[in-house]
């Protein structure tokens, strides 16, 4: 039989206290059990201690245990076997890559994402230039025209920008680029409100015009099937975006901002 989760000092939490602190207790227990699964203290295929055992060892109610187990099951880390119990999934070592919306609420996190995009999009543009078809060019140019059409709306412009990069991803003829860009979705392109905030409309127009020129340089290189120039144009575009946001970070005194 699987050993129970180690018992800390203290007794079982009463139902009223568990109700008052339910969310926090569930989060804490979820994190503990997840860590034990990731570290293989609870290896793939092993049986999870019963809800009663976990409730006693962790000084929480069974409701908290049920909620934590349900979340772990939803993430694919646990599986329930009828009449046998709950087990650690055989593929629990696999962990899907995630970037949540809440992680990009801060400018410092937007900068980290831009750093990652710098490498990905540079090579993506080069491959698109080498492999694009006539249909791909039409899709990329249509996405660029749409970006211009919605340029006065920062949120719509960010969505159009994402569609532009998705069109380039399709031109690589590599489905993994498409899936990666599609996964990032609107996270791929932070709204210019993050950078410009409540600055005047003229500042927004100047920003949109600069970004448009950078995009046009990428498109021109892809149309001409000039991979080196496409890579350089994409690198320059991402570097400019990274510089803009890093400079703002430095101005606001955020860690990682350029000095």
Protein backbone atom coordinates (compact mmCIF):
# COMPACT_ATOMS: atom_id res chain seq x y z
CA UNK A 1 0.00 0.00 0.00
CA UNK A 2 1.27 3.49 -0.83
CA UNK A 3 2.57 5.38 2.20
CA UNK A 4 0.38 8.33 3.21
CA UNK A 5 1.52 11.86 2.60
CA UNK A 6 3.76 12.87 5.57
CA UNK A 7 1.77 14.14 8.52
CA UNK A 8 2.60 17.64 9.77
CA UNK A 9 1.99 18.75 13.31
CA UNK A 10 -1.60 19.72 14.05
CA UNK A 11 -5.07 18.27 13.92
CA UNK A 12 -7.84 18.15 11.35
CA UNK A 13 -9.31 21.49 10.31
CA UNK A 14 -12.98 21.91 11.13
CA UNK A 15 -15.57 22.45 8.39
CA UNK A 16 -16.19 26.11 9.25
CA UNK A 17 -12.50 27.01 9.07
CA UNK A 18 -12.06 24.98 5.90
CA UNK A 19 -14.96 26.87 4.34
CA UNK A 20 -13.47 30.24 5.25
CA UNK A 21 -10.04 29.33 3.93
CA UNK A 22 -11.20 26.85 1.28
CA UNK A 23 -9.68 28.46 -1.78
CA UNK A 24 -6.30 29.01 -0.16
CA UNK A 25 -6.22 25.53 1.37
CA UNK A 26 -7.15 23.95 -1.96
CA UNK A 27 -4.44 25.91 -3.76
CA UNK A 28 -1.86 24.91 -1.14
CA UNK A 29 -2.79 21.23 -1.27
CA UNK A 30 -2.88 21.25 -5.06
CA UNK A 31 0.65 22.73 -5.14
CA UNK A 32 1.95 20.17 -2.60
CA UNK A 33 0.56 17.17 -4.44
CA UNK A 34 1.64 18.50 -7.81
CA UNK A 35 5.19 18.98 -6.49
CA UNK A 36 5.26 15.40 -5.19
CA UNK A 37 4.09 14.12 -8.56
CA UNK A 38 6.63 16.22 -10.48
CA UNK A 39 9.47 15.13 -8.17
CA UNK A 40 8.32 11.50 -8.48
CA UNK A 41 7.74 11.15 -4.73
CA UNK A 42 4.43 9.96 -6.14
CA UNK A 43 5.69 8.21 -9.31
CA UNK A 44 3.58 7.45 -12.40
CA UNK A 45 1.27 4.51 -11.76
CA UNK A 46 1.35 4.83 -7.98
CA UNK A 47 -1.87 4.94 -5.99
CA UNK A 48 -2.76 8.19 -4.31
CA UNK A 49 -3.49 7.91 -0.57
CA UNK A 50 -7.21 7.96 0.19
CA UNK A 51 -9.01 11.25 0.70
CA UNK A 52 -9.31 10.45 4.42
CA UNK A 53 -5.56 9.83 4.71
CA UNK A 54 -4.68 13.05 2.90
CA UNK A 55 -7.20 15.04 4.95
CA UNK A 56 -5.66 13.74 8.18
CA UNK A 57 -2.04 14.18 7.11
CA UNK A 58 -2.57 17.68 5.69
CA UNK A 59 -5.02 18.91 8.34
CA UNK A 60 -7.70 19.86 5.83
CA UNK A 61 -11.27 18.84 5.15
CA UNK A 62 -12.21 16.18 2.64
CA UNK A 63 -13.87 18.91 0.56
CA UNK A 64 -10.48 20.57 0.12
CA UNK A 65 -8.95 17.22 -0.83
CA UNK A 66 -11.69 16.52 -3.37
CA UNK A 67 -11.23 19.93 -5.00
CA UNK A 68 -7.44 19.58 -5.19
CA UNK A 69 -7.69 16.06 -6.61
CA UNK A 70 -10.28 17.23 -9.16
CA UNK A 71 -7.90 19.94 -10.37
CA UNK A 72 -5.01 17.50 -10.64
CA UNK A 73 -7.25 15.13 -12.57
CA UNK A 74 -8.36 17.91 -14.91
CA UNK A 75 -4.70 18.63 -15.66
CA UNK A 76 -4.11 15.00 -16.52
CA UNK A 77 -1.86 14.27 -13.55
CA UNK A 78 -4.27 11.83 -11.87
CA UNK A 79 -6.65 9.18 -13.17
CA UNK A 80 -9.52 7.51 -11.34
CA UNK A 81 -10.02 3.76 -11.62
CA UNK A 82 -13.48 2.52 -10.74
CA UNK A 83 -13.44 0.54 -7.50
CA UNK A 84 -9.67 0.84 -7.15
CA UNK A 85 -8.86 4.44 -6.30
CA UNK A 86 -6.98 7.38 -7.77
CA UNK A 87 -3.60 6.89 -9.41
CA UNK A 88 -0.83 9.09 -10.75
CA UNK A 89 -1.14 9.14 -14.54
CA UNK A 90 1.47 7.17 -16.48
CA UNK A 91 2.23 10.28 -18.55
CA UNK A 92 2.36 12.63 -15.56
CA UNK A 93 5.95 13.57 -16.43
CA UNK A 94 4.63 15.28 -19.56
CA UNK A 95 3.78 18.90 -18.90
CA UNK A 96 2.13 21.11 -21.50
CA UNK A 97 3.71 24.50 -22.07
CA UNK A 98 1.49 27.32 -20.83
CA UNK A 99 1.47 31.10 -20.80
CA UNK A 100 -1.65 32.30 -19.02
CA UNK A 101 -3.38 35.62 -19.56
CA UNK A 102 -2.71 36.61 -15.93
CA UNK A 103 1.03 36.17 -16.47
CA UNK A 104 1.07 38.97 -19.03
CA UNK A 105 -0.58 41.63 -16.91
CA UNK A 106 2.80 43.08 -15.98
CA UNK A 107 5.16 44.86 -18.38
CA UNK A 108 8.13 42.80 -17.14
CA UNK A 109 6.38 39.61 -18.28
CA UNK A 110 5.55 41.13 -21.69
CA UNK A 111 9.26 41.85 -22.11
CA UNK A 112 10.12 38.21 -21.33
CA UNK A 113 7.67 37.04 -23.99
CA UNK A 114 9.17 39.46 -26.52
CA UNK A 115 12.63 38.02 -25.77
CA UNK A 116 11.33 34.56 -26.61
CA UNK A 117 9.62 35.78 -29.78
CA UNK A 118 12.86 37.37 -31.00
CA UNK A 119 14.38 33.98 -31.76
CA UNK A 120 11.21 32.26 -32.96
CA UNK A 121 10.00 34.93 -35.35
CA UNK A 122 13.39 35.62 -36.89
CA UNK A 123 13.71 32.06 -38.17
CA UNK A 124 10.00 31.86 -38.98
CA UNK A 125 10.29 34.81 -41.38
CA UNK A 126 13.35 33.26 -43.04
CA UNK A 127 11.56 29.98 -43.65
CA UNK A 128 8.44 31.79 -44.90
CA UNK A 129 10.56 33.65 -47.47
CA UNK A 130 12.08 30.39 -48.68
CA UNK A 131 8.85 28.40 -48.86
CA UNK A 132 5.96 30.82 -49.40
CA UNK A 133 3.44 30.29 -52.18
CA UNK A 134 1.48 32.87 -54.13
CA UNK A 135 -1.53 32.10 -51.94
CA UNK A 136 0.58 32.69 -48.81
CA UNK A 137 1.60 36.12 -50.10
CA UNK A 138 -2.05 37.01 -50.65
CA UNK A 139 -2.94 35.99 -47.10
CA UNK A 140 -0.03 37.91 -45.56
CA UNK A 141 -0.82 41.06 -47.53
CA UNK A 142 -4.52 40.82 -46.68
CA UNK A 143 -3.64 40.54 -42.98
CA UNK A 144 -1.40 43.60 -43.30
CA UNK A 145 -4.16 45.62 -45.01
CA UNK A 146 -6.60 44.66 -42.27
CA UNK A 147 -4.12 45.82 -39.65
CA UNK A 148 -4.07 49.25 -41.32
CA UNK A 149 -7.88 49.34 -41.47
CA UNK A 150 -8.29 48.80 -37.71
CA UNK A 151 -5.23 50.82 -36.74
CA UNK A 152 -7.22 53.28 -34.59
CA UNK A 153 -8.43 50.50 -32.28
CA UNK A 154 -5.53 49.19 -30.12
CA UNK A 155 -7.30 45.94 -29.20
CA UNK A 156 -8.43 45.17 -32.76
CA UNK A 157 -4.97 46.12 -34.04
CA UNK A 158 -3.35 43.64 -31.66
CA UNK A 159 -5.67 40.89 -32.96
CA UNK A 160 -4.90 41.87 -36.57
CA UNK A 161 -1.19 41.85 -35.75
CA UNK A 162 -1.56 38.33 -34.40
CA UNK A 163 -3.32 37.27 -37.63
CA UNK A 164 -0.45 38.76 -39.63
CA UNK A 165 2.12 36.67 -37.77
CA UNK A 166 -0.11 33.62 -38.13
CA UNK A 167 -0.17 34.12 -41.90
CA UNK A 168 3.64 34.19 -41.91
CA UNK A 169 3.67 31.03 -39.80
CA UNK A 170 1.50 29.27 -42.41
CA UNK A 171 3.92 30.35 -45.13
CA UNK A 172 6.69 28.33 -43.47
CA UNK A 173 4.77 25.14 -44.41
CA UNK A 174 5.65 23.96 -40.90
CA UNK A 175 2.53 23.18 -38.87
CA UNK A 176 4.39 23.54 -35.59
CA UNK A 177 5.02 27.23 -36.20
CA UNK A 178 1.30 27.60 -36.94
CA UNK A 179 0.30 25.73 -33.80
CA UNK A 180 2.74 27.71 -31.66
CA UNK A 181 1.61 31.11 -32.95
CA UNK A 182 -2.04 30.02 -32.71
CA UNK A 183 -1.46 28.84 -29.12
CA UNK A 184 0.00 32.20 -28.11
CA UNK A 185 -2.94 33.97 -29.74
CA UNK A 186 -3.35 37.57 -28.58
CA UNK A 187 -0.57 36.97 -26.04
CA UNK A 188 1.73 37.09 -29.05
CA UNK A 189 1.17 40.81 -29.54
CA UNK A 190 0.70 43.02 -26.47
CA UNK A 191 -1.74 45.84 -27.07
CA UNK A 192 0.04 49.14 -27.62
CA UNK A 193 -1.91 50.41 -24.61
CA UNK A 194 0.64 48.52 -22.49
CA UNK A 195 3.36 50.75 -23.92
CA UNK A 196 1.52 54.01 -24.65
CA UNK A 197 -1.09 53.98 -21.89
CA UNK A 198 -3.15 57.18 -21.98
CA UNK A 199 -0.78 59.16 -24.20
CA UNK A 200 -2.39 61.37 -26.92
CA UNK A 201 -3.91 59.90 -30.08
CA UNK A 202 -1.01 61.28 -32.12
CA UNK A 203 1.41 59.08 -30.18
CA UNK A 204 -0.73 56.04 -30.99
CA UNK A 205 -0.77 56.96 -34.70
CA UNK A 206 3.01 57.39 -34.78
CA UNK A 207 3.47 54.03 -33.04
CA UNK A 208 1.14 52.29 -35.50
CA UNK A 209 2.95 53.86 -38.47
CA UNK A 210 6.34 52.70 -37.19
CA UNK A 211 5.13 49.15 -36.62
CA UNK A 212 3.51 49.14 -40.07
CA UNK A 213 6.83 50.11 -41.70
CA UNK A 214 8.55 47.27 -39.85
CA UNK A 215 5.89 44.81 -41.01
CA UNK A 216 6.12 46.05 -44.61
CA UNK A 217 9.87 45.37 -44.60
CA UNK A 218 9.21 41.78 -43.54
CA UNK A 219 6.55 41.31 -46.22
CA UNK A 220 8.75 42.76 -48.95
CA UNK A 221 11.55 40.32 -48.13
CA UNK A 222 9.15 37.37 -48.05
CA UNK A 223 7.63 38.38 -51.41
CA UNK A 224 11.14 38.52 -52.92
CA UNK A 225 12.01 35.14 -51.32
CA UNK A 226 15.00 36.80 -49.69
CA UNK A 227 15.46 34.71 -46.54
CA UNK A 228 18.45 36.59 -45.07
CA UNK A 229 16.67 39.93 -45.45
CA UNK A 230 13.43 38.48 -44.06
CA UNK A 231 15.28 37.25 -40.98
CA UNK A 232 16.95 40.61 -40.53
CA UNK A 233 13.67 42.51 -40.97
CA UNK A 234 11.93 40.26 -38.42
CA UNK A 235 14.87 40.56 -36.03
CA UNK A 236 14.81 44.35 -36.37
CA UNK A 237 11.05 44.43 -35.78
CA UNK A 238 11.30 42.32 -32.64
CA UNK A 239 14.35 44.21 -31.41
CA UNK A 240 12.52 47.53 -31.80
CA UNK A 241 9.50 46.18 -29.90
CA UNK A 242 11.73 44.79 -27.18
CA UNK A 243 13.62 48.08 -26.93
CA UNK A 244 10.41 50.11 -26.71
CA UNK A 245 9.03 48.01 -23.87
CA UNK A 246 12.39 47.65 -22.07
CA UNK A 247 12.86 51.42 -22.15
CA UNK A 248 9.41 51.87 -20.65
CA UNK A 249 10.32 49.28 -18.01
CA UNK A 250 13.44 51.22 -17.11
CA UNK A 251 11.43 54.42 -16.91
CA UNK A 252 9.03 52.74 -14.49
CA UNK A 253 11.87 51.18 -12.51
CA UNK A 254 10.96 47.58 -13.37
CA UNK A 255 13.50 44.74 -13.13
CA UNK A 256 14.99 43.89 -16.52
CA UNK A 257 14.38 47.35 -17.97
CA UNK A 258 17.22 48.74 -20.04
CA UNK A 259 19.41 51.32 -18.39
